[in-house]
Amino acid sequence: MRFASMLSSLGKALLASLITGTVLTFVGITTKDIFPGMSSYIDQMTDALELTINWIVIWAVPNTLVGMVVIIPVWLVLVLFGPKN
């Protein structure tokens, strides 16, 4: 129960951060305006995040497609010929 509560709080904080960041960007305030001395660090962080997301997508999409080639026909056979309730 405690883990679910922490996960819920983390989700709410991420959603609030996303909304706040969107509003600030719409107004014209960026992270470089808030932290002027950290612009190179922020650029490195965003580059690393972009590379990580790209790697995850490049890894996940082919593996998911290969899994679907096996799972979907098995599921279809089980639905069509499995026990009826």
PDB file of N, CA and C in Angstrom:
ATOM      1  N   MET A   1       0.824  -1.194   0.000  1.00  0.00           N
ATOM      2  CA  MET A   1       0.000   0.000   0.000  1.00  0.00           C
ATOM      3  C   MET A   1       0.866   1.255   0.000  1.00  0.00           C
ATOM      4  N   ARG A   2       1.949   1.216   0.754  1.00  0.00           N
ATOM      5  CA  ARG A   2       2.809   2.386   0.840  1.00  0.00           C
ATOM      6  C   ARG A   2       3.472   2.687  -0.498  1.00  0.00           C
ATOM      7  N   PHE A   3       3.877   1.618  -1.239  1.00  0.00           N
ATOM      8  CA  PHE A   3       4.505   1.805  -2.539  1.00  0.00           C
ATOM      9  C   PHE A   3       3.525   2.443  -3.522  1.00  0.00           C
ATOM     10  N   ALA A   4       2.278   2.009  -3.495  1.00  0.00           N
ATOM     11  CA  ALA A   4       1.262   2.576  -4.377  1.00  0.00           C
ATOM     12  C   ALA A   4       1.039   4.051  -4.064  1.00  0.00           C
ATOM     13  N   SER A   5       1.071   4.402  -2.784  1.00  0.00           N
ATOM     14  CA  SER A   5       0.905   5.797  -2.388  1.00  0.00           C
ATOM     15  C   SER A   5       2.073   6.645  -2.876  1.00  0.00           C
ATOM     16  N   MET A   6       3.287   6.105  -2.750  1.00  0.00           N
ATOM     17  CA  MET A   6       4.467   6.838  -3.226  1.00  0.00           C
ATOM     18  C   MET A   6       4.428   6.986  -4.742  1.00  0.00           C
ATOM     19  N   LEU A   7       4.015   5.924  -5.443  1.00  0.00           N
ATOM     20  CA  LEU A   7       3.929   5.978  -6.899  1.00  0.00           C
ATOM     21  C   LEU A   7       2.872   6.987  -7.343  1.00  0.00           C
ATOM     22  N   SER A   8       1.764   7.037  -6.630  1.00  0.00           N
ATOM     23  CA  SER A   8       0.723   8.010  -6.931  1.00  0.00           C
ATOM     24  C   SER A   8       1.229   9.437  -6.718  1.00  0.00           C
ATOM     25  N   SER A   9       1.936   9.657  -5.634  1.00  0.00           N
ATOM     26  CA  SER A   9       2.491  10.989  -5.356  1.00  0.00           C
ATOM     27  C   SER A   9       3.508  11.390  -6.415  1.00  0.00           C
ATOM     28  N   LEU A  10       4.340  10.440  -6.839  1.00  0.00           N
ATOM     29  CA  LEU A  10       5.316  10.721  -7.878  1.00  0.00           C
ATOM     30  C   LEU A  10       4.625  11.083  -9.189  1.00  0.00           C
ATOM     31  N   GLY A  11       3.568  10.351  -9.524  1.00  0.00           N
ATOM     32  CA  GLY A  11       2.812  10.655 -10.739  1.00  0.00           C
ATOM     33  C   GLY A  11       2.186  12.043 -10.692  1.00  0.00           C
ATOM     34  N   LYS A  12       1.635  12.407  -9.538  1.00  0.00           N
ATOM     35  CA  LYS A  12       1.044  13.734  -9.387  1.00  0.00           C
ATOM     36  C   LYS A  12       2.100  14.825  -9.508  1.00  0.00           C
ATOM     37  N   ALA A  13       3.279  14.595  -8.904  1.00  0.00           N
ATOM     38  CA  ALA A  13       4.357  15.584  -8.987  1.00  0.00           C
ATOM     39  C   ALA A  13       4.846  15.730 -10.425  1.00  0.00           C
ATOM     40  N   LEU A  14       4.950  14.610 -11.157  1.00  0.00           N
ATOM     41  CA  LEU A  14       5.370  14.685 -12.559  1.00  0.00           C
ATOM     42  C   LEU A  14       4.341  15.419 -13.411  1.00  0.00           C
ATOM     43  N   LEU A  15       3.070  15.152 -13.172  1.00  0.00           N
ATOM     44  CA  LEU A  15       2.022  15.840 -13.916  1.00  0.00           C
ATOM     45  C   LEU A  15       2.019  17.337 -13.612  1.00  0.00           C
ATOM     46  N   ALA A  16       2.168  17.696 -12.330  1.00  0.00           N
ATOM     47  CA  ALA A  16       2.227  19.110 -11.955  1.00  0.00           C
ATOM     48  C   ALA A  16       3.441  19.791 -12.579  1.00  0.00           C
ATOM     49  N   SER A  17       4.579  19.095 -12.609  1.00  0.00           N
ATOM     50  CA  SER A  17       5.785  19.656 -13.220  1.00  0.00           C
ATOM     51  C   SER A  17       5.597  19.862 -14.713  1.00  0.00           C
ATOM     52  N   LEU A  18       4.957  18.901 -15.370  1.00  0.00           N
ATOM     53  CA  LEU A  18       4.714  19.023 -16.804  1.00  0.00           C
ATOM     54  C   LEU A  18       3.800  20.200 -17.113  1.00  0.00           C
ATOM     55  N   ILE A  19       2.748  20.350 -16.338  1.00  0.00           N
ATOM     56  CA  ILE A  19       1.818  21.464 -16.555  1.00  0.00           C
ATOM     57  C   ILE A  19       2.506  22.801 -16.295  1.00  0.00           C
ATOM     58  N   THR A  20       3.259  22.883 -15.193  1.00  0.00           N
ATOM     59  CA  THR A  20       3.969  24.122 -14.859  1.00  0.00           C
ATOM     60  C   THR A  20       4.992  24.462 -15.929  1.00  0.00           C
ATOM     61  N   GLY A  21       5.745  23.464 -16.383  1.00  0.00           N
ATOM     62  CA  GLY A  21       6.738  23.696 -17.435  1.00  0.00           C
ATOM     63  C   GLY A  21       6.112  24.149 -18.735  1.00  0.00           C
ATOM     64  N   THR A  22       4.959  23.581 -19.056  1.00  0.00           N
ATOM     65  CA  THR A  22       4.258  23.977 -20.276  1.00  0.00           C
ATOM     66  C   THR A  22       3.801  25.430 -20.200  1.00  0.00           C
ATOM     67  N   VAL A  23       3.249  25.809 -19.052  1.00  0.00           N
ATOM     68  CA  VAL A  23       2.805  27.192 -18.865  1.00  0.00           C
ATOM     69  C   VAL A  23       3.997  28.149 -18.938  1.00  0.00           C
ATOM     70  N   LEU A  24       5.087  27.812 -18.248  1.00  0.00           N
ATOM     71  CA  LEU A  24       6.267  28.685 -18.269  1.00  0.00           C
ATOM     72  C   LEU A  24       6.842  28.820 -19.673  1.00  0.00           C
ATOM     73  N   THR A  25       6.883  27.719 -20.428  1.00  0.00           N
ATOM     74  CA  THR A  25       7.385  27.782 -21.796  1.00  0.00           C
ATOM     75  C   THR A  25       6.469  28.625 -22.670  1.00  0.00           C
ATOM     76  N   PHE A  26       5.163  28.493 -22.463  1.00  0.00           N
ATOM     77  CA  PHE A  26       4.209  29.299 -23.220  1.00  0.00           C
ATOM     78  C   PHE A  26       4.417  30.784 -22.948  1.00  0.00           C
ATOM     79  N   VAL A  27       4.743  31.127 -21.703  1.00  0.00           N
ATOM     80  CA  VAL A  27       4.985  32.519 -21.322  1.00  0.00           C
ATOM     81  C   VAL A  27       6.330  33.009 -21.856  1.00  0.00           C
ATOM     82  N   GLY A  28       7.238  32.084 -22.140  1.00  0.00           N
ATOM     83  CA  GLY A  28       8.537  32.459 -22.687  1.00  0.00           C
ATOM     84  C   GLY A  28       9.684  32.268 -21.719  1.00  0.00           C
ATOM     85  N   ILE A  29       9.452  31.590 -20.615  1.00  0.00           N
ATOM     86  CA  ILE A  29      10.503  31.338 -19.628  1.00  0.00           C
ATOM     87  C   ILE A  29      11.043  29.930 -19.851  1.00  0.00           C
ATOM     88  N   THR A  30      12.346  29.826 -20.049  1.00  0.00           N
ATOM     89  CA  THR A  30      12.978  28.527 -20.257  1.00  0.00           C
ATOM     90  C   THR A  30      13.903  28.206 -19.091  1.00  0.00           C
ATOM     91  N   THR A  31      14.443  27.000 -19.099  1.00  0.00           N
ATOM     92  CA  THR A  31      15.375  26.617 -18.033  1.00  0.00           C
ATOM     93  C   THR A  31      16.637  27.466 -18.072  1.00  0.00           C
ATOM     94  N   LYS A  32      17.014  27.917 -19.251  1.00  0.00           N
ATOM     95  CA  LYS A  32      18.202  28.777 -19.357  1.00  0.00           C
ATOM     96  C   LYS A  32      17.967  30.138 -18.718  1.00  0.00           C
ATOM     97  N   ASP A  33      16.719  30.574 -18.687  1.00  0.00           N
ATOM     98  CA  ASP A  33      16.393  31.822 -18.003  1.00  0.00           C
ATOM     99  C   ASP A  33      16.422  31.648 -16.487  1.00  0.00           C
ATOM    100  N   ILE A  34      15.982  30.493 -16.013  1.00  0.00           N
ATOM    101  CA  ILE A  34      15.937  30.240 -14.577  1.00  0.00           C
ATOM    102  C   ILE A  34      17.316  29.916 -14.020  1.00  0.00           C
ATOM    103  N   PHE A  35      18.092  29.108 -14.758  1.00  0.00           N
ATOM    104  CA  PHE A  35      19.441  28.713 -14.337  1.00  0.00           C
ATOM    105  C   PHE A  35      20.451  29.127 -15.398  1.00  0.00           C
ATOM    106  N   PRO A  36      20.821  30.415 -15.458  1.00  0.00           N
ATOM    107  CA  PRO A  36      21.688  30.876 -16.553  1.00  0.00           C
ATOM    108  C   PRO A  36      23.092  30.263 -16.533  1.00  0.00           C
ATOM    109  N   GLY A  37      23.615  29.931 -15.378  1.00  0.00           N
ATOM    110  CA  GLY A  37      24.966  29.379 -15.317  1.00  0.00           C
ATOM    111  C   GLY A  37      25.037  27.903 -15.624  1.00  0.00           C
ATOM    112  N   MET A  38      23.899  27.265 -15.791  1.00  0.00           N
ATOM    113  CA  MET A  38      23.880  25.822 -15.983  1.00  0.00           C
ATOM    114  C   MET A  38      23.442  25.427 -17.388  1.00  0.00           C
ATOM    115  N   SER A  39      23.565  26.312 -18.354  1.00  0.00           N
ATOM    116  CA  SER A  39      23.044  26.021 -19.687  1.00  0.00           C
ATOM    117  C   SER A  39      23.755  24.839 -20.340  1.00  0.00           C
ATOM    118  N   SER A  40      25.069  24.718 -20.167  1.00  0.00           N
ATOM    119  CA  SER A  40      25.767  23.579 -20.773  1.00  0.00           C
ATOM    120  C   SER A  40      25.382  22.275 -20.079  1.00  0.00           C
ATOM    121  N   TYR A  41      25.195  22.321 -18.768  1.00  0.00           N
ATOM    122  CA  TYR A  41      24.768  21.130 -18.031  1.00  0.00           C
ATOM    123  C   TYR A  41      23.360  20.708 -18.463  1.00  0.00           C
ATOM    124  N   ILE A  42      22.473  21.680 -18.632  1.00  0.00           N
ATOM    125  CA  ILE A  42      21.112  21.388 -19.065  1.00  0.00           C
ATOM    126  C   ILE A  42      21.125  20.795 -20.470  1.00  0.00           C
ATOM    127  N   ASP A  43      21.969  21.340 -21.354  1.00  0.00           N
ATOM    128  CA  ASP A  43      22.083  20.794 -22.706  1.00  0.00           C
ATOM    129  C   ASP A  43      22.573  19.347 -22.668  1.00  0.00           C
ATOM    130  N   GLN A  44      23.555  19.054 -21.809  1.00  0.00           N
ATOM    131  CA  GLN A  44      24.060  17.686 -21.677  1.00  0.00           C
ATOM    132  C   GLN A  44      22.976  16.756 -21.156  1.00  0.00           C
ATOM    133  N   MET A  45      22.202  17.238 -20.186  1.00  0.00           N
ATOM    134  CA  MET A  45      21.121  16.415 -19.630  1.00  0.00           C
ATOM    135  C   MET A  45      20.062  16.115 -20.687  1.00  0.00           C
ATOM    136  N   THR A  46      19.659  17.121 -21.456  1.00  0.00           N
ATOM    137  CA  THR A  46      18.637  16.887 -22.478  1.00  0.00           C
ATOM    138  C   THR A  46      19.169  15.987 -23.589  1.00  0.00           C
ATOM    139  N   ASP A  47      20.444  16.135 -23.954  1.00  0.00           N
ATOM    140  CA  ASP A  47      21.033  15.244 -24.956  1.00  0.00           C
ATOM    141  C   ASP A  47      21.067  13.808 -24.452  1.00  0.00           C
ATOM    142  N   ALA A  48      21.445  13.608 -23.192  1.00  0.00           N
ATOM    143  CA  ALA A  48      21.485  12.266 -22.622  1.00  0.00           C
ATOM    144  C   ALA A  48      20.090  11.661 -22.554  1.00  0.00           C
ATOM    145  N   LEU A  49      19.109  12.466 -22.180  1.00  0.00           N
ATOM    146  CA  LEU A  49      17.730  11.982 -22.114  1.00  0.00           C
ATOM    147  C   LEU A  49      17.224  11.598 -23.500  1.00  0.00           C
ATOM    148  N   GLU A  50      17.548  12.410 -24.498  1.00  0.00           N
ATOM    149  CA  GLU A  50      17.130  12.107 -25.861  1.00  0.00           C
ATOM    150  C   GLU A  50      17.766  10.810 -26.358  1.00  0.00           C
ATOM    151  N   LEU A  51      19.057  10.621 -26.083  1.00  0.00           N
ATOM    152  CA  LEU A  51      19.730   9.384 -26.475  1.00  0.00           C
ATOM    153  C   LEU A  51      19.130   8.170 -25.773  1.00  0.00           C
ATOM    154  N   THR A  52      18.797   8.326 -24.500  1.00  0.00           N
ATOM    155  CA  THR A  52      18.197   7.225 -23.748  1.00  0.00           C
ATOM    156  C   THR A  52      16.840   6.847 -24.320  1.00  0.00           C
ATOM    157  N   ILE A  53      16.013   7.838 -24.592  1.00  0.00           N
ATOM    158  CA  ILE A  53      14.684   7.559 -25.150  1.00  0.00           C
ATOM    159  C   ILE A  53      14.812   6.915 -26.528  1.00  0.00           C
ATOM    160  N   ASN A  54      15.728   7.419 -27.355  1.00  0.00           N
ATOM    161  CA  ASN A  54      15.932   6.823 -28.673  1.00  0.00           C
ATOM    162  C   ASN A  54      16.382   5.377 -28.557  1.00  0.00           C
ATOM    163  N   TRP A  55      17.287   5.091 -27.616  1.00  0.00           N
ATOM    164  CA  TRP A  55      17.779   3.722 -27.442  1.00  0.00           C
ATOM    165  C   TRP A  55      16.644   2.805 -26.993  1.00  0.00           C
ATOM    166  N   ILE A  56      15.819   3.284 -26.077  1.00  0.00           N
ATOM    167  CA  ILE A  56      14.705   2.467 -25.598  1.00  0.00           C
ATOM    168  C   ILE A  56      13.744   2.164 -26.746  1.00  0.00           C
ATOM    169  N   VAL A  57      13.438   3.164 -27.562  1.00  0.00           N
ATOM    170  CA  VAL A  57      12.517   2.958 -28.683  1.00  0.00           C
ATOM    171  C   VAL A  57      13.136   2.009 -29.701  1.00  0.00           C
ATOM    172  N   ILE A  58      14.410   2.207 -30.016  1.00  0.00           N
ATOM    173  CA  ILE A  58      15.082   1.346 -30.991  1.00  0.00           C
ATOM    174  C   ILE A  58      15.143  -0.090 -30.491  1.00  0.00           C
ATOM    175  N   TRP A  59      15.259  -0.285 -29.183  1.00  0.00           N
ATOM    176  CA  TRP A  59      15.302  -1.627 -28.617  1.00  0.00           C
ATOM    177  C   TRP A  59      13.905  -2.217 -28.481  1.00  0.00           C
ATOM    178  N   ALA A  60      12.945  -1.428 -28.037  1.00  0.00           N
ATOM    179  CA  ALA A  60      11.628  -1.955 -27.680  1.00  0.00           C
ATOM    180  C   ALA A  60      10.760  -2.270 -28.892  1.00  0.00           C
ATOM    181  N   VAL A  61      10.783  -1.445 -29.897  1.00  0.00           N
ATOM    182  CA  VAL A  61       9.867  -1.635 -31.028  1.00  0.00           C
ATOM    183  C   VAL A  61      10.126  -2.949 -31.760  1.00  0.00           C
ATOM    184  N   PRO A  62      11.358  -3.269 -32.166  1.00  0.00           N
ATOM    185  CA  PRO A  62      11.556  -4.560 -32.843  1.00  0.00           C
ATOM    186  C   PRO A  62      11.224  -5.761 -31.955  1.00  0.00           C
ATOM    187  N   ASN A  63      11.599  -5.692 -30.681  1.00  0.00           N
ATOM    188  CA  ASN A  63      11.295  -6.807 -29.782  1.00  0.00           C
ATOM    189  C   ASN A  63       9.800  -6.973 -29.582  1.00  0.00           C
ATOM    190  N   THR A  64       9.075  -5.872 -29.510  1.00  0.00           N
ATOM    191  CA  THR A  64       7.624  -5.945 -29.370  1.00  0.00           C
ATOM    192  C   THR A  64       6.990  -6.545 -30.618  1.00  0.00           C
ATOM    193  N   LEU A  65       7.459  -6.153 -31.780  1.00  0.00           N
ATOM    194  CA  LEU A  65       6.912  -6.700 -33.017  1.00  0.00           C
ATOM    195  C   LEU A  65       7.176  -8.199 -33.130  1.00  0.00           C
ATOM    196  N   VAL A  66       8.372  -8.636 -32.770  1.00  0.00           N
ATOM    197  CA  VAL A  66       8.690 -10.064 -32.804  1.00  0.00           C
ATOM    198  C   VAL A  66       7.800 -10.822 -31.823  1.00  0.00           C
ATOM    199  N   GLY A  67       7.605 -10.271 -30.639  1.00  0.00           N
ATOM    200  CA  GLY A  67       6.728 -10.903 -29.662  1.00  0.00           C
ATOM    201  C   GLY A  67       5.295 -10.992 -30.141  1.00  0.00           C
ATOM    202  N   MET A  68       4.836  -9.946 -30.838  1.00  0.00           N
ATOM    203  CA  MET A  68       3.468  -9.941 -31.351  1.00  0.00           C
ATOM    204  C   MET A  68       3.260 -11.026 -32.402  1.00  0.00           C
ATOM    205  N   VAL A  69       4.294 -11.323 -33.179  1.00  0.00           N
ATOM    206  CA  VAL A  69       4.196 -12.364 -34.198  1.00  0.00           C
ATOM    207  C   VAL A  69       3.886 -13.715 -33.561  1.00  0.00           C
ATOM    208  N   VAL A  70       4.348 -13.941 -32.352  1.00  0.00           N
ATOM    209  CA  VAL A  70       4.090 -15.198 -31.653  1.00  0.00           C
ATOM    210  C   VAL A  70       2.822 -15.105 -30.806  1.00  0.00           C
ATOM    211  N   ILE A  71       2.675 -14.053 -30.047  1.00  0.00           N
ATOM    212  CA  ILE A  71       1.598 -13.958 -29.063  1.00  0.00           C
ATOM    213  C   ILE A  71       0.218 -13.834 -29.710  1.00  0.00           C
ATOM    214  N   ILE A  72       0.071 -13.018 -30.728  1.00  0.00           N
ATOM    215  CA  ILE A  72      -1.247 -12.781 -31.315  1.00  0.00           C
ATOM    216  C   ILE A  72      -1.836 -14.049 -31.933  1.00  0.00           C
ATOM    217  N   PRO A  73      -1.106 -14.832 -32.731  1.00  0.00           N
ATOM    218  CA  PRO A  73      -1.712 -16.075 -33.234  1.00  0.00           C
ATOM    219  C   PRO A  73      -2.065 -17.068 -32.114  1.00  0.00           C
ATOM    220  N   VAL A  74      -1.225 -17.180 -31.097  1.00  0.00           N
ATOM    221  CA  VAL A  74      -1.528 -18.079 -29.975  1.00  0.00           C
ATOM    222  C   VAL A  74      -2.785 -17.604 -29.264  1.00  0.00           C
ATOM    223  N   TRP A  75      -2.882 -16.321 -29.004  1.00  0.00           N
ATOM    224  CA  TRP A  75      -4.066 -15.755 -28.349  1.00  0.00           C
ATOM    225  C   TRP A  75      -5.317 -15.994 -29.203  1.00  0.00           C
ATOM    226  N   LEU A  76      -5.190 -15.782 -30.511  1.00  0.00           N
ATOM    227  CA  LEU A  76      -6.324 -15.966 -31.408  1.00  0.00           C
ATOM    228  C   LEU A  76      -6.808 -17.419 -31.394  1.00  0.00           C
ATOM    229  N   VAL A  77      -5.882 -18.382 -31.427  1.00  0.00           N
ATOM    230  CA  VAL A  77      -6.243 -19.795 -31.379  1.00  0.00           C
ATOM    231  C   VAL A  77      -6.928 -20.118 -30.065  1.00  0.00           C
ATOM    232  N   LEU A  78      -6.411 -19.583 -28.956  1.00  0.00           N
ATOM    233  CA  LEU A  78      -7.020 -19.836 -27.647  1.00  0.00           C
ATOM    234  C   LEU A  78      -8.418 -19.232 -27.549  1.00  0.00           C
ATOM    235  N   VAL A  79      -8.619 -18.069 -28.138  1.00  0.00           N
ATOM    236  CA  VAL A  79      -9.935 -17.438 -28.099  1.00  0.00           C
ATOM    237  C   VAL A  79     -10.923 -18.223 -28.952  1.00  0.00           C
ATOM    238  N   LEU A  80     -10.480 -18.644 -30.123  1.00  0.00           N
ATOM    239  CA  LEU A  80     -11.391 -19.337 -31.039  1.00  0.00           C
ATOM    240  C   LEU A  80     -11.712 -20.768 -30.599  1.00  0.00           C
ATOM    241  N   PHE A  81     -10.697 -21.486 -30.097  1.00  0.00           N
ATOM    242  CA  PHE A  81     -10.873 -22.906 -29.809  1.00  0.00           C
ATOM    243  C   PHE A  81     -10.765 -23.254 -28.337  1.00  0.00           C
ATOM    244  N   GLY A  82     -10.622 -22.276 -27.482  1.00  0.00           N
ATOM    245  CA  GLY A  82     -10.495 -22.520 -26.046  1.00  0.00           C
ATOM    246  C   GLY A  82     -11.831 -22.853 -25.428  1.00  0.00           C
ATOM    247  N   PRO A  83     -11.814 -23.120 -24.130  1.00  0.00           N
ATOM    248  CA  PRO A  83     -13.059 -23.466 -23.451  1.00  0.00           C
ATOM    249  C   PRO A  83     -14.030 -22.281 -23.426  1.00  0.00           C
ATOM    250  N   LYS A  84     -15.282 -22.609 -23.647  1.00  0.00           N
ATOM    251  CA  LYS A  84     -16.318 -21.568 -23.640  1.00  0.00           C
ATOM    252  C   LYS A  84     -16.916 -21.455 -22.246  1.00  0.00           C
ATOM    253  N   ASN A  85     -17.116 -20.256 -21.791  1.00  0.00           N
ATOM    254  CA  ASN A  85     -17.723 -20.046 -20.452  1.00  0.00           C
ATOM    255  C   ASN A  85     -19.187 -19.731 -20.592  1.00  0.00           C
TER     256      ASN A  85
END
